[in-house]
Protein backbone atom coordinates (compact mmCIF):
# COMPACT_ATOMS: atom_id res chain seq x y z
CA MET A 1 0.00 0.00 0.00
CA GLU A 2 1.28 3.46 -0.89
CA TYR A 3 0.90 6.02 1.87
CA ARG A 4 0.39 9.69 1.04
CA ILE A 5 0.29 12.64 3.39
CA ASP A 6 -1.44 16.02 3.00
CA LYS A 7 -0.55 19.49 4.26
CA GLU A 8 -2.66 19.34 7.44
CA ARG A 9 -1.21 15.99 8.51
CA LEU A 10 2.31 17.26 7.78
CA LEU A 11 1.67 20.31 9.97
CA ASP A 12 0.28 18.06 12.72
CA ILE A 13 3.45 15.95 12.71
CA ILE A 14 5.76 19.00 12.72
CA SER A 15 3.68 20.47 15.56
CA ALA A 16 4.05 17.21 17.51
CA TRP A 17 7.85 17.29 16.99
CA ASP A 18 7.86 20.91 18.16
CA GLY A 19 6.33 19.86 21.48
CA PHE A 20 9.41 17.77 22.29
CA LEU A 21 12.05 20.33 21.27
CA LYS A 22 13.78 22.62 23.73
CA ARG A 23 15.87 24.42 21.11
CA ARG A 24 15.33 26.19 17.79
CA VAL A 25 15.35 24.00 14.66
CA HIS A 26 14.97 25.31 11.09
CA LEU A 27 13.23 22.97 8.64
CA ILE A 28 13.10 23.80 4.93
CA ALA A 29 10.69 21.67 2.89
CA CYS A 30 11.90 20.60 -0.54
CA GLY A 31 10.67 18.26 -3.28
CA GLY A 32 7.04 17.19 -3.31
CA THR A 33 6.74 18.19 0.34
CA ALA A 34 7.37 21.83 -0.62
CA LEU A 35 4.74 21.62 -3.37
CA THR A 36 2.27 20.15 -0.86
CA PHE A 37 2.90 22.98 1.62
CA LEU A 38 2.47 25.51 -1.22
CA GLY A 39 -0.91 23.96 -2.11
CA ILE A 40 0.32 22.95 -5.57
CA LYS A 41 0.05 19.22 -4.82
CA ALA A 42 -2.70 17.69 -2.67
CA SER A 43 -0.33 15.24 -0.98
CA THR A 44 3.12 13.72 -1.10
CA LYS A 45 4.52 10.23 -0.74
CA ASP A 46 7.99 11.21 0.46
CA ILE A 47 8.56 13.83 3.12
CA ASP A 48 11.70 15.83 2.26
CA LEU A 49 13.10 18.38 4.70
CA ILE A 50 16.43 20.19 4.82
CA VAL A 51 17.97 20.97 8.21
CA PRO A 52 20.52 23.61 7.15
CA GLU A 53 22.34 23.91 10.50
CA VAL A 54 24.40 20.81 11.33
CA ALA A 55 24.02 21.25 15.13
CA GLU A 56 20.23 21.54 14.73
CA TYR A 57 20.24 18.42 12.55
CA GLU A 58 22.11 16.38 15.18
CA TYR A 59 19.79 17.66 17.92
CA LEU A 60 16.64 16.83 15.90
CA ILE A 61 17.89 13.31 15.08
CA GLY A 62 18.49 12.73 18.81
CA ILE A 63 14.92 13.77 19.61
CA LEU A 64 13.46 11.66 16.77
CA ASN A 65 15.37 8.63 18.10
CA GLN A 66 13.73 9.20 21.49
CA LEU A 67 10.33 9.36 19.73
CA GLY A 68 10.84 5.93 18.15
CA TYR A 69 12.09 6.95 14.71
CA ASN A 70 14.71 4.65 13.20
CA SER A 71 17.13 5.18 10.37
CA ALA A 72 15.68 4.07 7.03
CA ALA A 73 17.36 3.97 3.61
CA GLY A 74 19.56 6.93 2.68
CA TRP A 75 18.59 10.04 4.63
CA GLY A 76 15.33 8.53 5.85
CA TRP A 77 13.83 8.31 9.32
CA ALA A 78 10.64 6.35 9.97
CA ARG A 79 8.31 4.89 12.56
CA GLN A 80 5.65 2.24 12.01
CA ASP A 81 3.15 4.62 10.33
CA GLY A 82 4.55 4.06 6.83
CA PHE A 83 5.95 7.58 6.34
CA ILE A 84 9.64 8.14 5.67
CA PHE A 85 11.12 11.54 6.48
CA ASP A 86 14.21 12.28 4.39
CA LEU A 87 16.21 14.77 6.45
CA PHE A 88 18.98 16.44 4.48
CA ARG A 89 21.78 18.24 6.30
CA GLY A 90 23.32 21.57 5.27
CA LYS A 91 22.57 22.68 1.72
CA THR A 92 22.52 19.31 -0.01
CA ILE A 93 19.37 17.55 -1.29
CA HIS A 94 20.06 13.93 -2.26
CA THR A 95 23.31 14.46 -4.23
CA THR A 96 22.61 18.06 -5.31
CA GLU A 97 24.57 20.72 -3.46
CA LEU A 98 22.81 24.07 -3.61
CA LEU A 99 24.83 27.23 -4.22
CA TYR A 100 23.53 29.02 -1.14
CA SER A 101 22.17 28.07 2.26
CA PRO A 102 18.38 27.77 2.25
CA LEU A 103 18.43 29.97 5.35
CA GLU A 104 19.80 33.00 3.49
CA LYS A 105 17.33 35.77 2.75
CA GLY A 106 15.34 35.06 -0.40
CA ASN A 107 16.20 31.36 -0.41
CA HIS A 108 13.09 30.19 1.41
CA ILE A 109 9.43 31.07 1.97
CA LEU A 110 8.21 31.00 5.57
CA MET A 111 5.29 28.62 6.13
CA LYS A 112 4.83 28.66 9.90
CA GLU A 113 6.74 29.42 13.08
CA PHE A 114 6.06 27.02 15.94
CA SER A 115 7.50 27.47 19.45
CA ASN A 116 10.84 25.97 18.42
CA ILE A 117 10.47 24.95 14.77
CA TYR A 118 10.85 27.47 11.95
CA LEU A 119 9.15 25.80 8.97
CA ALA A 120 9.77 27.15 5.48
CA VAL A 121 9.71 26.04 1.84
CA LEU A 122 12.74 26.13 -0.44
CA ASN A 123 12.72 28.92 -3.08
CA TYR A 124 11.32 28.06 -6.51
CA TYR A 125 14.71 28.15 -8.27
CA ASP A 126 16.41 25.65 -5.98
CA LEU A 127 13.26 23.49 -5.95
CA ILE A 128 13.41 23.21 -9.74
CA ILE A 129 17.20 22.77 -9.78
CA SER A 130 17.21 20.00 -7.19
CA LYS A 131 14.43 18.14 -9.01
CA LEU A 132 15.94 18.51 -12.49
CA PHE A 133 19.32 17.26 -11.29
CA ARG A 134 17.58 13.89 -10.73
CA ALA A 135 14.99 14.37 -13.50
CA THR A 136 12.79 11.35 -12.90
CA SER A 137 9.38 11.58 -14.60
CA ILE A 138 7.86 12.59 -11.21
CA ASP A 139 10.53 15.29 -10.79
CA ILE A 140 9.78 16.74 -14.22
CA ASP A 141 6.02 16.60 -13.58
CA ASP A 142 6.53 18.41 -10.26
CA CYS A 143 8.59 21.13 -11.96
CA LEU A 144 5.87 21.57 -14.57
CA LEU A 145 3.25 21.87 -11.82
CA LEU A 146 5.34 24.51 -10.07
CA VAL A 147 5.83 26.54 -13.27
CA ARG A 148 2.13 26.30 -14.20
CA ASN A 149 1.14 27.56 -10.75
CA ARG A 150 3.86 30.15 -10.10
CA LYS A 151 5.06 31.24 -13.56
CA LYS A 152 4.66 34.95 -12.79
CA ASP A 153 7.03 34.55 -9.82
CA ILE A 154 9.79 32.80 -11.77
CA ASP A 155 12.46 34.69 -13.71
CA PHE A 156 13.52 32.08 -16.30
CA LYS A 157 16.78 33.86 -17.15
CA LEU A 158 17.72 33.82 -13.47
CA LEU A 159 16.70 30.14 -13.29
CA ALA A 160 18.93 29.27 -16.27
CA GLN A 161 21.86 31.20 -14.81
CA ARG A 162 21.47 29.64 -11.35
CA PHE A 163 21.03 26.16 -12.82
CA LYS A 164 24.23 26.41 -14.90
CA GLU A 165 26.18 27.78 -11.97
CA THR A 166 24.98 24.96 -9.69
CA ALA A 167 25.77 22.39 -12.41
CA LEU A 168 29.42 23.57 -12.49
CA PHE A 169 29.92 21.90 -9.10
CA ASP A 170 28.19 18.63 -10.01
CA ILE A 171 30.08 15.51 -11.07
CA SER A 172 27.49 14.98 -13.86
CA GLU A 173 27.54 18.56 -15.20
CA ASP A 174 26.82 17.61 -18.83
CA LYS A 175 23.98 15.25 -17.89
CA VAL A 176 22.19 17.74 -15.62
CA ASN A 177 22.57 20.53 -18.18
CA LYS A 178 20.90 18.24 -20.74
CA ASN A 179 18.07 17.71 -18.23
CA PHE A 180 17.58 21.48 -18.09
CA VAL A 181 17.57 21.86 -21.90
CA HIS A 182 14.99 19.05 -22.11
CA PHE A 183 12.81 20.71 -19.46
CA MET A 184 12.96 24.11 -21.18
CA LYS A 185 11.92 22.41 -24.44
CA ILE A 186 8.86 20.94 -22.67
CA LEU A 187 8.01 24.39 -21.27
CA LYS A 188 8.26 25.93 -24.74
CA GLU A 189 6.03 23.23 -26.22
CA GLU A 190 3.45 23.97 -23.51
CA GLY A 191 3.75 27.74 -24.04
CA LEU A 192 5.21 28.16 -20.56
CA GLY A 193 8.78 29.08 -21.45
CA TYR A 194 10.44 32.34 -22.21
CA GLU A 195 11.86 33.73 -25.42
CA LYS A 196 15.60 34.36 -25.41
């Protein structure tokens, strides 16, 4: 059975975590989780969160261990409810290292401040970049959803520049750049792109 989780349930879980924390922790939603928080997707299968500060990451993992979460594959943490929380440390999502910390001004959108948890969503540019670096069919579909819903807020020239700059530091620079060209072609075909 495939479990999916919606925005309200996500907020309930983050609120429950907050009740056990004694220190500030910044969580930045990325991937499908970000799109769910933004109301672009109804629900998500994977819960992806960046913890940009290493000390906050270590503290949160300690608390989650106390709450019965166990290490799952990769960056995942899970209990028996079927949901896996991928918690990324610093400014790396899966194998994509972002140019700038998600905590820097302009690099995230605040969703909600709890007593100890600062919950935000990754900026649109880094959301698209991190998804296109992997470029699964779901990643491309998510990027299309984001562009369809937030096109007026996306500067495509800035996106292209930021993508190329991020790709310079990736081991698969040529491959990820081809992913971007392919995505821009899809946008043009759908009338969502920009003219150079």
